[in-house]
Structure formats: C-alpha cells, structure tokens
Amino acid sequence: DAGIETHWVSFQVNQDEPIRTTFVLGFAQLRPFARSGWFLKTGMGIGVAGNGLYSPIGPRIAPPYTTNALALVYGTGWTFNLNQRWAVQAHATHNVAALGELTLTDGSRIQNVIGNYWTIGTAIVCSRPGVRRRRVTAGEGG
C-alpha cells in the first residue's frame, strides 16, 4: 500500500510556547503476513515549522518564522477491513523532522533542532474502485 498523509503537531523550545509543525508525507506500508491486518509503515516528505507569519507564541523568532525540514516516519499498525472498498486503521508512528537552525530575534541561534513526535491514531482507508485485495495462501505460485 502507498499513500500521502498530512498532520499537524507542535514542539517546544526552551520551555517557551509550542511552535506548530505541519507534515506532508508520502508513505508505503508493508504487509508481511497476507492473512493478517498487521502492517509496517515508512515514509518521507517535508515538515514545515511555523506558520509563515509573525506569531507571539514560541521563542521570539524574527518574523516570518517558517523553516522547511526533511521529515521521516516509521511505525506499525493494524487494518480492519469493513468491506472490499472501506477499512479502518489503528497505528502508532514516530515522526522525525530535521529542522536545522532557528535564529532568535536577539540574534542567537539554536543549532541542529530535531523534532521527535510519537503519535497514536486512526485512519479511514478507501480503496480505488476495481482494485481487489488478493489473499495468497501457502503453496500458491505467482
């Protein structure tokens, strides 16, 4: 399975107010056991910290404070099929954003900022019409 996901989280620097981070990720899911709903998930994309406009929350960063970052995700989960087209997933993932360097309004810099976000969530899955999931049994050839 493959797809695109987006979500919003926040991180906190030096006990100040949190800064929002938006993730846009492409991902792939591997199903090691054909009859099981269990899957492994991995992906990469972009993380955008800040909102692009001046904001009074967080450390005082010179406006606008938006930084792009390489973002990675890995995790595991379970898919519960409702019918041939619809399914529900429960998953736990670890998202990492290499934010690099943030420059504060006083000129000081925070170097090598990496955001680590652990999430637990659910997803609604819609399969494309005409695509059927094939179950493979032991001894079946390809």
Protein backbone atom coordinates (compact mmCIF):
# COMPACT_ATOMS: atom_id res chain seq x y z
CA ASP A 1 0.00 0.00 0.00
CA ALA A 2 1.13 3.57 -0.59
CA GLY A 3 -0.36 6.98 0.06
CA ILE A 4 0.01 10.55 1.21
CA GLU A 5 -0.73 11.87 4.69
CA THR A 6 -0.70 15.23 6.38
CA HIS A 7 -0.92 16.13 10.04
CA TRP A 8 -0.12 18.92 12.47
CA VAL A 9 1.86 18.71 15.70
CA SER A 10 3.73 21.16 17.90
CA PHE A 11 7.13 21.29 19.57
CA GLN A 12 8.50 23.32 22.43
CA VAL A 13 11.92 25.00 22.62
CA ASN A 14 13.46 26.10 25.94
CA GLN A 15 10.19 25.87 27.90
CA ASP A 16 8.53 28.54 25.71
CA GLU A 17 5.18 28.23 23.97
CA PRO A 18 5.00 25.45 21.33
CA ILE A 19 5.62 26.04 17.62
CA ARG A 20 3.37 24.27 15.11
CA THR A 21 4.83 21.80 12.61
CA THR A 22 2.91 20.54 9.57
CA PHE A 23 3.93 17.26 7.94
CA VAL A 24 3.20 16.26 4.34
CA LEU A 25 4.49 12.73 3.81
CA GLY A 26 4.46 10.05 1.17
CA PHE A 27 4.43 6.60 2.74
CA ALA A 28 4.47 2.89 1.97
CA GLN A 29 3.01 0.08 4.05
CA LEU A 30 4.38 -3.43 4.01
CA ARG A 31 2.12 -6.34 4.98
CA PRO A 32 4.44 -9.22 5.90
CA PHE A 33 1.59 -11.70 6.52
CA ALA A 34 -1.09 -11.94 3.81
CA ARG A 35 -3.91 -13.06 6.13
CA SER A 36 -3.16 -10.56 8.86
CA GLY A 37 -4.16 -6.92 9.11
CA TRP A 38 -0.77 -6.04 10.66
CA PHE A 39 1.48 -3.68 8.68
CA LEU A 40 4.78 -1.82 8.90
CA LYS A 41 4.85 1.77 7.69
CA THR A 42 7.68 4.00 6.47
CA GLY A 43 7.85 7.24 4.54
CA MET A 44 9.40 10.63 4.00
CA GLY A 45 8.42 14.12 2.98
CA ILE A 46 8.55 17.66 4.28
CA GLY A 47 7.95 19.24 7.66
CA VAL A 48 7.14 22.96 7.85
CA ALA A 49 7.70 24.60 11.24
CA GLY A 50 5.93 27.89 11.96
CA ASN A 51 3.06 29.50 10.14
CA GLY A 52 4.87 31.82 7.75
CA LEU A 53 3.57 34.87 9.61
CA TYR A 54 4.64 36.55 12.80
CA SER A 55 3.25 34.81 15.84
CA PRO A 56 3.61 35.73 19.51
CA ILE A 57 3.89 32.05 20.55
CA GLY A 58 7.19 30.24 20.92
CA PRO A 59 10.65 31.76 21.30
CA ARG A 60 10.93 35.20 19.72
CA ILE A 61 11.96 34.31 16.18
CA ALA A 62 12.32 37.07 13.62
CA PRO A 63 9.11 37.18 11.56
CA PRO A 64 8.20 35.39 9.41
CA TYR A 65 9.45 32.22 11.02
CA THR A 66 8.93 29.32 8.67
CA THR A 67 11.52 26.64 8.12
CA ASN A 68 11.29 23.55 5.94
CA ALA A 69 12.70 20.25 7.09
CA LEU A 70 13.32 16.74 5.90
CA ALA A 71 10.68 14.58 7.57
CA LEU A 72 10.70 10.82 8.13
CA VAL A 73 8.08 8.47 9.55
CA TYR A 74 8.09 4.83 10.61
CA GLY A 75 5.64 2.78 12.60
CA THR A 76 3.24 -0.12 12.78
CA GLY A 77 -0.49 -0.69 12.84
CA TRP A 78 -3.46 -2.89 12.09
CA THR A 79 -6.07 -2.67 9.33
CA PHE A 80 -9.68 -3.72 9.95
CA ASN A 81 -11.47 -4.34 6.63
CA LEU A 82 -15.12 -3.28 6.63
CA ASN A 83 -15.81 -4.37 3.04
CA GLN A 84 -13.90 -4.51 -0.27
CA ARG A 85 -13.65 -0.73 -0.53
CA TRP A 86 -13.52 0.61 3.06
CA ALA A 87 -11.24 -0.16 6.00
CA VAL A 88 -10.22 1.41 9.31
CA GLN A 89 -6.63 1.51 10.56
CA ALA A 90 -5.15 1.95 14.02
CA HIS A 91 -1.47 2.90 14.03
CA ALA A 92 1.45 4.12 16.13
CA THR A 93 4.19 6.11 14.42
CA HIS A 94 7.37 8.05 15.13
CA ASN A 95 7.81 11.21 13.04
CA VAL A 96 11.17 12.97 12.85
CA ALA A 97 11.77 16.45 11.41
CA ALA A 98 15.34 17.72 10.93
CA LEU A 99 14.56 21.41 11.40
CA GLY A 100 18.18 22.57 11.28
CA GLU A 101 18.82 26.02 12.77
CA LEU A 102 16.43 28.58 14.27
CA THR A 103 17.53 32.22 14.63
CA LEU A 104 16.01 34.12 17.54
CA THR A 105 15.22 37.85 17.47
CA ASP A 106 18.16 38.59 19.77
CA GLY A 107 20.47 37.14 17.08
CA SER A 108 21.30 33.93 18.91
CA ARG A 109 20.84 30.65 17.11
CA ILE A 110 19.61 27.27 18.17
CA GLN A 111 21.51 24.74 16.06
CA ASN A 112 20.65 21.19 15.00
CA VAL A 113 16.99 21.31 16.01
CA ILE A 114 15.33 17.92 15.52
CA GLY A 115 11.67 17.39 16.31
CA ASN A 116 10.62 13.91 17.50
CA TYR A 117 6.89 13.21 17.59
CA TRP A 118 5.30 9.95 18.72
CA THR A 119 1.70 9.56 17.61
CA ILE A 120 -1.14 7.10 18.02
CA GLY A 121 -4.05 7.48 15.65
CA THR A 122 -6.65 6.07 13.34
CA ALA A 123 -7.30 6.37 9.62
CA ILE A 124 -10.16 5.70 7.23
CA VAL A 125 -8.95 3.86 4.12
CA CYS A 126 -10.74 3.91 0.76
CA SER A 127 -9.52 1.51 -1.94
CA ARG A 128 -9.68 2.55 -5.56
CA PRO A 129 -12.70 1.07 -7.41
CA GLY A 130 -11.79 -2.03 -9.39
CA VAL A 131 -8.75 -2.86 -7.24
CA ARG A 132 -9.25 -6.02 -5.26
CA ARG A 133 -7.08 -7.25 -2.46
CA ARG A 134 -5.77 -10.70 -3.24
CA ARG A 135 -5.20 -13.19 -0.47
CA VAL A 136 -2.26 -15.50 -1.04
CA THR A 137 -2.32 -18.95 0.51
CA ALA A 138 0.68 -21.17 1.29
CA GLY A 139 1.93 -23.09 -1.71
CA GLU A 140 0.28 -20.79 -4.25
CA GLY A 141 2.58 -19.80 -7.11
CA GLY A 142 2.84 -16.36 -8.70
